[in-house]
Amino acid sequence: MSELPDNIKAIQEHFRPRFEAQTARMEALAAAAFAARLANAKVTHDLPAEEALALFEAHAKGEAHV
């Protein structure tokens, strides 16, 4: 892969703090949304963790009987 020109690198470095700050804000918003969703979750099944993980794994594998 070719090296970027110095002027492009300078622009990237100039905007890097803004991009990193934006990334941090988006991660914080996503974490807050997940926490709110988790706080409002309602337990519908009382499954042991191992059984729940097995169900998720089967679903991820596309097994139809799950």
N, C-alpha and C. Protein backbone atom coordinates (compact mmCIF):
# COMPACT_ATOMS: atom_id res chain seq x y z
N MET A 1 0.85 -1.18 0.00
CA MET A 1 0.00 0.00 0.00
C MET A 1 0.89 1.24 0.00
N SER A 2 0.50 2.21 -0.78
CA SER A 2 1.34 3.40 -0.90
C SER A 2 1.17 4.31 0.32
N GLU A 3 2.20 5.07 0.56
CA GLU A 3 2.22 6.02 1.67
C GLU A 3 1.39 7.25 1.30
N LEU A 4 0.68 7.80 2.28
CA LEU A 4 -0.10 9.01 2.02
C LEU A 4 0.81 10.23 1.91
N PRO A 5 0.41 11.20 1.11
CA PRO A 5 1.20 12.44 1.03
C PRO A 5 1.20 13.17 2.38
N ASP A 6 2.24 13.95 2.60
CA ASP A 6 2.38 14.66 3.87
C ASP A 6 1.22 15.59 4.16
N ASN A 7 0.67 16.25 3.13
CA ASN A 7 -0.44 17.17 3.37
C ASN A 7 -1.69 16.43 3.85
N ILE A 8 -1.90 15.23 3.35
CA ILE A 8 -3.05 14.43 3.80
C ILE A 8 -2.84 13.96 5.24
N LYS A 9 -1.63 13.55 5.54
CA LYS A 9 -1.30 13.15 6.92
C LYS A 9 -1.51 14.32 7.89
N ALA A 10 -1.11 15.52 7.47
CA ALA A 10 -1.28 16.70 8.32
C ALA A 10 -2.75 16.98 8.58
N ILE A 11 -3.57 16.83 7.56
CA ILE A 11 -5.01 17.05 7.73
C ILE A 11 -5.58 16.00 8.70
N GLN A 12 -5.18 14.75 8.52
CA GLN A 12 -5.65 13.69 9.43
C GLN A 12 -5.26 13.99 10.87
N GLU A 13 -4.03 14.41 11.07
CA GLU A 13 -3.56 14.73 12.43
C GLU A 13 -4.29 15.94 13.00
N HIS A 14 -4.61 16.90 12.15
CA HIS A 14 -5.33 18.09 12.60
C HIS A 14 -6.72 17.71 13.12
N PHE A 15 -7.40 16.81 12.42
CA PHE A 15 -8.77 16.45 12.79
C PHE A 15 -8.86 15.25 13.73
N ARG A 16 -7.74 14.57 13.99
CA ARG A 16 -7.77 13.38 14.84
C ARG A 16 -8.43 13.63 16.21
N PRO A 17 -8.10 14.71 16.93
CA PRO A 17 -8.75 14.92 18.23
C PRO A 17 -10.28 15.03 18.13
N ARG A 18 -10.76 15.67 17.08
CA ARG A 18 -12.21 15.78 16.89
C ARG A 18 -12.83 14.42 16.65
N PHE A 19 -12.18 13.63 15.80
CA PHE A 19 -12.71 12.30 15.49
C PHE A 19 -12.70 11.41 16.73
N GLU A 20 -11.61 11.49 17.51
CA GLU A 20 -11.53 10.68 18.73
C GLU A 20 -12.58 11.12 19.74
N ALA A 21 -12.82 12.42 19.85
CA ALA A 21 -13.85 12.92 20.76
C ALA A 21 -15.24 12.47 20.31
N GLN A 22 -15.48 12.51 19.02
CA GLN A 22 -16.76 12.06 18.47
C GLN A 22 -16.95 10.57 18.74
N THR A 23 -15.91 9.79 18.55
CA THR A 23 -15.98 8.36 18.82
C THR A 23 -16.31 8.11 20.29
N ALA A 24 -15.66 8.85 21.18
CA ALA A 24 -15.92 8.70 22.61
C ALA A 24 -17.37 9.06 22.95
N ARG A 25 -17.89 10.13 22.34
CA ARG A 25 -19.28 10.52 22.59
C ARG A 25 -20.25 9.44 22.10
N MET A 26 -19.97 8.90 20.93
CA MET A 26 -20.86 7.85 20.38
C MET A 26 -20.81 6.58 21.23
N GLU A 27 -19.62 6.23 21.73
CA GLU A 27 -19.51 5.07 22.61
C GLU A 27 -20.28 5.30 23.91
N ALA A 28 -20.20 6.51 24.45
CA ALA A 28 -20.92 6.84 25.68
C ALA A 28 -22.43 6.79 25.45
N LEU A 29 -22.88 7.31 24.32
CA LEU A 29 -24.31 7.26 24.00
C LEU A 29 -24.79 5.83 23.83
N ALA A 30 -24.00 5.02 23.17
CA ALA A 30 -24.38 3.61 22.97
C ALA A 30 -24.42 2.89 24.31
N ALA A 31 -23.46 3.15 25.18
CA ALA A 31 -23.44 2.52 26.49
C ALA A 31 -24.65 2.95 27.32
N ALA A 32 -24.99 4.23 27.26
CA ALA A 32 -26.15 4.73 28.00
C ALA A 32 -27.44 4.12 27.46
N ALA A 33 -27.54 4.01 26.15
CA ALA A 33 -28.74 3.40 25.56
C ALA A 33 -28.86 1.94 25.96
N PHE A 34 -27.73 1.23 25.96
CA PHE A 34 -27.76 -0.17 26.36
C PHE A 34 -28.13 -0.30 27.84
N ALA A 35 -27.58 0.57 28.69
CA ALA A 35 -27.89 0.53 30.11
C ALA A 35 -29.37 0.82 30.35
N ALA A 36 -29.92 1.77 29.62
CA ALA A 36 -31.35 2.08 29.76
C ALA A 36 -32.20 0.91 29.30
N ARG A 37 -31.81 0.29 28.20
CA ARG A 37 -32.56 -0.87 27.71
C ARG A 37 -32.49 -2.02 28.71
N LEU A 38 -31.31 -2.22 29.27
CA LEU A 38 -31.13 -3.29 30.25
C LEU A 38 -31.93 -2.99 31.52
N ALA A 39 -31.96 -1.74 31.94
CA ALA A 39 -32.70 -1.36 33.14
C ALA A 39 -34.21 -1.56 32.96
N ASN A 40 -34.68 -1.43 31.72
CA ASN A 40 -36.11 -1.58 31.45
C ASN A 40 -36.50 -2.98 30.97
N ALA A 41 -35.51 -3.87 30.94
CA ALA A 41 -35.78 -5.23 30.46
C ALA A 41 -36.67 -5.98 31.45
N LYS A 42 -37.48 -6.85 30.89
CA LYS A 42 -38.36 -7.65 31.72
C LYS A 42 -37.96 -9.12 31.54
N VAL A 43 -37.77 -9.80 32.64
CA VAL A 43 -37.40 -11.21 32.59
C VAL A 43 -38.61 -12.01 32.14
N THR A 44 -38.44 -12.77 31.07
CA THR A 44 -39.56 -13.58 30.57
C THR A 44 -39.32 -15.07 30.79
N HIS A 45 -38.05 -15.45 30.95
CA HIS A 45 -37.72 -16.85 31.18
C HIS A 45 -36.66 -16.92 32.28
N ASP A 46 -36.83 -17.85 33.16
CA ASP A 46 -35.86 -18.02 34.23
C ASP A 46 -34.95 -19.18 33.87
N LEU A 47 -33.95 -18.90 33.03
CA LEU A 47 -33.04 -19.94 32.54
C LEU A 47 -31.68 -19.81 33.21
N PRO A 48 -31.04 -20.95 33.43
CA PRO A 48 -29.64 -20.87 33.86
C PRO A 48 -28.80 -20.27 32.72
N ALA A 49 -27.71 -19.62 33.06
CA ALA A 49 -26.88 -18.94 32.06
C ALA A 49 -26.39 -19.90 30.99
N GLU A 50 -25.99 -21.12 31.38
CA GLU A 50 -25.48 -22.08 30.40
C GLU A 50 -26.54 -22.43 29.37
N GLU A 51 -27.78 -22.61 29.82
CA GLU A 51 -28.86 -22.95 28.89
C GLU A 51 -29.18 -21.77 27.97
N ALA A 52 -29.18 -20.57 28.51
CA ALA A 52 -29.44 -19.38 27.69
C ALA A 52 -28.35 -19.21 26.64
N LEU A 53 -27.08 -19.41 27.03
CA LEU A 53 -25.98 -19.29 26.08
C LEU A 53 -26.08 -20.36 24.99
N ALA A 54 -26.50 -21.55 25.37
CA ALA A 54 -26.67 -22.61 24.37
C ALA A 54 -27.75 -22.24 23.37
N LEU A 55 -28.83 -21.63 23.83
CA LEU A 55 -29.89 -21.19 22.94
C LEU A 55 -29.39 -20.11 21.99
N PHE A 56 -28.64 -19.13 22.52
CA PHE A 56 -28.08 -18.08 21.67
C PHE A 56 -27.13 -18.65 20.63
N GLU A 57 -26.30 -19.60 21.06
CA GLU A 57 -25.35 -20.21 20.13
C GLU A 57 -26.07 -20.96 19.02
N ALA A 58 -27.11 -21.70 19.39
CA ALA A 58 -27.89 -22.43 18.39
C ALA A 58 -28.56 -21.46 17.42
N HIS A 59 -29.09 -20.37 17.95
CA HIS A 59 -29.72 -19.37 17.09
C HIS A 59 -28.70 -18.75 16.14
N ALA A 60 -27.50 -18.46 16.64
CA ALA A 60 -26.45 -17.88 15.81
C ALA A 60 -26.03 -18.84 14.70
N LYS A 61 -26.09 -20.13 14.98
CA LYS A 61 -25.73 -21.12 13.97
C LYS A 61 -26.85 -21.34 12.97
N GLY A 62 -28.02 -20.76 13.24
CA GLY A 62 -29.13 -20.86 12.30
C GLY A 62 -29.95 -22.13 12.44
N GLU A 63 -29.87 -22.74 13.58
CA GLU A 63 -30.65 -23.96 13.80
C GLU A 63 -32.12 -23.59 13.90
N ALA A 64 -32.94 -24.25 13.13
CA ALA A 64 -34.36 -23.88 12.98
C ALA A 64 -35.19 -24.19 14.21
N HIS A 65 -34.82 -25.16 14.99
CA HIS A 65 -35.67 -25.57 16.12
C HIS A 65 -35.56 -24.67 17.34
N VAL A 66 -34.77 -23.63 17.25
CA VAL A 66 -34.59 -22.72 18.39
C VAL A 66 -35.65 -21.65 18.35
